[in-house]
Amino acid sequence: MHEAAIIEDLIRQVLQEAEKNRLQKISIIYLTVGRLHHLVPQTMGELFDLMKSEFPIMAGAILQTEIRPVRFVCRSCGSETTAAASSFSCPDCRSTDIRIVSGYELILASIEGEQNE
């Protein structure tokens, strides 16, 4: 379950950003994840809820996860497309000579919270 390590790192990063931006309370964390990470949003949310309990600044915080699709460019014809669930071949020319351009993301997109007065 690599979700646990990712959530642990996420919490560490969020706490650093909260300190840097003088946040006293964190309400929402937006995470962008590429489909190639094979992460399960429900599992990530449950782990986040368990792990955040150690940090009062995160009481009530929620994790919003956006899953980005896999996109690739065909090296044969130049077509760019979103990959079908199990196919990594170009829908235009059927080539499998592709370059993946999206789907590996793991980004802390933003944090919403309240600043110290």
C-alpha atoms as a PDB file:
ATOM      1  CA  MET A   1       0.000   0.000   0.000  1.00  0.00           C
ATOM      2  CA  HIS A   2       2.097   2.901  -1.266  1.00  0.00           C
ATOM      3  CA  GLU A   3      -0.795   5.277  -0.544  1.00  0.00           C
ATOM      4  CA  ALA A   4       0.318   5.467   3.107  1.00  0.00           C
ATOM      5  CA  ALA A   5       3.805   6.728   2.216  1.00  0.00           C
ATOM      6  CA  ILE A   6       2.337   9.253  -0.206  1.00  0.00           C
ATOM      7  CA  ILE A   7      -0.140  10.569   2.378  1.00  0.00           C
ATOM      8  CA  GLU A   8       2.641  10.804   4.982  1.00  0.00           C
ATOM      9  CA  ASP A   9       4.759  12.874   2.574  1.00  0.00           C
ATOM     10  CA  LEU A  10       1.726  14.959   1.624  1.00  0.00           C
ATOM     11  CA  ILE A  11       0.987  15.816   5.257  1.00  0.00           C
ATOM     12  CA  ARG A  12       4.629  16.761   5.825  1.00  0.00           C
ATOM     13  CA  GLN A  13       4.558  19.044   2.781  1.00  0.00           C
ATOM     14  CA  VAL A  14       1.221  20.601   3.776  1.00  0.00           C
ATOM     15  CA  LEU A  15       2.496  21.345   7.290  1.00  0.00           C
ATOM     16  CA  GLN A  16       5.589  23.042   5.838  1.00  0.00           C
ATOM     17  CA  GLU A  17       3.437  25.170   3.544  1.00  0.00           C
ATOM     18  CA  ALA A  18       1.066  26.001   6.396  1.00  0.00           C
ATOM     19  CA  GLU A  19       3.952  27.221   8.540  1.00  0.00           C
ATOM     20  CA  LYS A  20       5.468  29.203   5.666  1.00  0.00           C
ATOM     21  CA  ASN A  21       2.099  30.875   4.943  1.00  0.00           C
ATOM     22  CA  ARG A  22       1.136  31.331   8.609  1.00  0.00           C
ATOM     23  CA  LEU A  23      -1.990  29.162   8.406  1.00  0.00           C
ATOM     24  CA  GLN A  24      -3.698  28.344  11.688  1.00  0.00           C
ATOM     25  CA  LYS A  25      -6.233  25.949  10.198  1.00  0.00           C
ATOM     26  CA  ILE A  26      -6.236  23.852   7.031  1.00  0.00           C
ATOM     27  CA  SER A  27      -9.629  23.169   5.487  1.00  0.00           C
ATOM     28  CA  ILE A  28      -9.049  21.616   2.043  1.00  0.00           C
ATOM     29  CA  ILE A  29      -6.053  20.028   0.354  1.00  0.00           C
ATOM     30  CA  TYR A  30      -6.188  19.616  -3.420  1.00  0.00           C
ATOM     31  CA  LEU A  31      -4.069  16.808  -4.834  1.00  0.00           C
ATOM     32  CA  THR A  32      -3.602  15.979  -8.530  1.00  0.00           C
ATOM     33  CA  VAL A  33      -2.657  12.383  -9.297  1.00  0.00           C
ATOM     34  CA  GLY A  34      -1.873  10.806 -12.644  1.00  0.00           C
ATOM     35  CA  ARG A  35      -3.673   7.548 -13.392  1.00  0.00           C
ATOM     36  CA  LEU A  36      -0.350   5.722 -13.855  1.00  0.00           C
ATOM     37  CA  HIS A  37       0.256   5.932 -10.101  1.00  0.00           C
ATOM     38  CA  HIS A  38      -2.622   3.466  -9.633  1.00  0.00           C
ATOM     39  CA  LEU A  39      -3.727   5.202  -6.430  1.00  0.00           C
ATOM     40  CA  VAL A  40      -7.197   4.635  -5.006  1.00  0.00           C
ATOM     41  CA  PRO A  41      -8.790   7.958  -3.986  1.00  0.00           C
ATOM     42  CA  GLN A  42     -11.043   6.332  -1.373  1.00  0.00           C
ATOM     43  CA  THR A  43      -8.061   4.615   0.279  1.00  0.00           C
ATOM     44  CA  MET A  44      -6.095   7.858   0.191  1.00  0.00           C
ATOM     45  CA  GLY A  45      -8.984   9.726   1.813  1.00  0.00           C
ATOM     46  CA  GLU A  46      -9.327   7.133   4.563  1.00  0.00           C
ATOM     47  CA  LEU A  47      -5.584   7.158   5.275  1.00  0.00           C
ATOM     48  CA  PHE A  48      -5.567  10.948   5.278  1.00  0.00           C
ATOM     49  CA  ASP A  49      -8.402  10.988   7.822  1.00  0.00           C
ATOM     50  CA  LEU A  50      -6.451   8.621  10.082  1.00  0.00           C
ATOM     51  CA  MET A  51      -3.083  10.339   9.775  1.00  0.00           C
ATOM     52  CA  LYS A  52      -4.301  13.949  10.049  1.00  0.00           C
ATOM     53  CA  SER A  53      -5.662  13.283  13.556  1.00  0.00           C
ATOM     54  CA  GLU A  54      -2.140  13.800  14.942  1.00  0.00           C
ATOM     55  CA  PHE A  55      -2.178  17.440  13.808  1.00  0.00           C
ATOM     56  CA  PRO A  56      -4.749  19.832  15.329  1.00  0.00           C
ATOM     57  CA  ILE A  57      -4.218  22.297  12.470  1.00  0.00           C
ATOM     58  CA  MET A  58      -5.787  19.683  10.180  1.00  0.00           C
ATOM     59  CA  ALA A  59      -8.886  18.954  12.275  1.00  0.00           C
ATOM     60  CA  GLY A  60     -11.803  18.892   9.852  1.00  0.00           C
ATOM     61  CA  ALA A  61      -9.575  19.112   6.762  1.00  0.00           C
ATOM     62  CA  ILE A  62     -10.609  17.205   3.668  1.00  0.00           C
ATOM     63  CA  LEU A  63      -8.539  15.795   0.836  1.00  0.00           C
ATOM     64  CA  GLN A  64      -9.804  16.451  -2.697  1.00  0.00           C
ATOM     65  CA  THR A  65      -8.109  14.200  -5.249  1.00  0.00           C
ATOM     66  CA  GLU A  66      -8.261  14.800  -8.990  1.00  0.00           C
ATOM     67  CA  ILE A  67      -7.211  11.844 -11.134  1.00  0.00           C
ATOM     68  CA  ARG A  68      -5.574  12.891 -14.399  1.00  0.00           C
ATOM     69  CA  PRO A  69      -5.884  10.591 -17.402  1.00  0.00           C
ATOM     70  CA  VAL A  70      -2.972   9.149 -19.315  1.00  0.00           C
ATOM     71  CA  ARG A  71      -2.242  11.149 -22.459  1.00  0.00           C
ATOM     72  CA  PHE A  72       0.272  10.286 -25.118  1.00  0.00           C
ATOM     73  CA  VAL A  73       1.686  11.513 -28.419  1.00  0.00           C
ATOM     74  CA  CYS A  74       2.132   9.062 -31.269  1.00  0.00           C
ATOM     75  CA  ARG A  75       5.674   9.208 -32.606  1.00  0.00           C
ATOM     76  CA  SER A  76       4.515   7.843 -35.963  1.00  0.00           C
ATOM     77  CA  CYS A  77       1.742  10.284 -36.878  1.00  0.00           C
ATOM     78  CA  GLY A  78       1.973  13.015 -34.188  1.00  0.00           C
ATOM     79  CA  SER A  79      -1.552  12.518 -32.880  1.00  0.00           C
ATOM     80  CA  GLU A  80      -2.104  13.343 -29.186  1.00  0.00           C
ATOM     81  CA  THR A  81      -4.816  11.440 -27.373  1.00  0.00           C
ATOM     82  CA  THR A  82      -6.112  10.197 -24.042  1.00  0.00           C
ATOM     83  CA  ALA A  83      -5.290   6.543 -23.540  1.00  0.00           C
ATOM     84  CA  ALA A  84      -8.153   4.081 -23.401  1.00  0.00           C
ATOM     85  CA  ALA A  85      -8.336   1.996 -20.231  1.00  0.00           C
ATOM     86  CA  SER A  86      -6.140  -0.817 -21.500  1.00  0.00           C
ATOM     87  CA  SER A  87      -4.767   0.431 -24.818  1.00  0.00           C
ATOM     88  CA  PHE A  88      -1.586   2.321 -25.430  1.00  0.00           C
ATOM     89  CA  SER A  89      -1.779   2.385 -29.198  1.00  0.00           C
ATOM     90  CA  CYS A  90      -2.620   5.330 -31.433  1.00  0.00           C
ATOM     91  CA  PRO A  91      -6.308   5.375 -32.401  1.00  0.00           C
ATOM     92  CA  ASP A  92      -5.426   7.060 -35.718  1.00  0.00           C
ATOM     93  CA  CYS A  93      -2.608   4.885 -37.089  1.00  0.00           C
ATOM     94  CA  ARG A  94      -2.555   1.981 -34.558  1.00  0.00           C
ATOM     95  CA  SER A  95       1.150   2.490 -33.809  1.00  0.00           C
ATOM     96  CA  THR A  96       2.425   1.572 -30.357  1.00  0.00           C
ATOM     97  CA  ASP A  97       5.424   3.920 -30.739  1.00  0.00           C
ATOM     98  CA  ILE A  98       4.161   6.512 -28.283  1.00  0.00           C
ATOM     99  CA  ARG A  99       5.493   9.058 -25.785  1.00  0.00           C
ATOM    100  CA  ILE A 100       3.493   9.499 -22.573  1.00  0.00           C
ATOM    101  CA  VAL A 101       2.951  13.198 -21.816  1.00  0.00           C
ATOM    102  CA  SER A 102       0.553  13.007 -18.876  1.00  0.00           C
ATOM    103  CA  GLY A 103      -0.428  10.458 -16.258  1.00  0.00           C
ATOM    104  CA  TYR A 104       2.593  10.473 -13.934  1.00  0.00           C
ATOM    105  CA  GLU A 105       1.601  13.612 -11.996  1.00  0.00           C
ATOM    106  CA  LEU A 106       1.613  13.729  -8.225  1.00  0.00           C
ATOM    107  CA  ILE A 107       1.056  17.375  -7.357  1.00  0.00           C
ATOM    108  CA  LEU A 108      -0.009  19.235  -4.250  1.00  0.00           C
ATOM    109  CA  ALA A 109      -2.124  21.644  -6.287  1.00  0.00           C
ATOM    110  CA  SER A 110      -3.316  23.950  -3.493  1.00  0.00           C
ATOM    111  CA  ILE A 111      -4.255  24.320   0.153  1.00  0.00           C
ATOM    112  CA  GLU A 112      -7.184  26.256   1.585  1.00  0.00           C
ATOM    113  CA  GLY A 113      -7.049  27.425   5.147  1.00  0.00           C
ATOM    114  CA  GLU A 114      -7.215  30.312   7.596  1.00  0.00           C
ATOM    115  CA  GLN A 115      -4.240  32.568   8.285  1.00  0.00           C
ATOM    116  CA  ASN A 116      -3.098  33.770  11.676  1.00  0.00           C
ATOM    117  CA  GLU A 117      -4.275  37.282  12.378  1.00  0.00           C
END
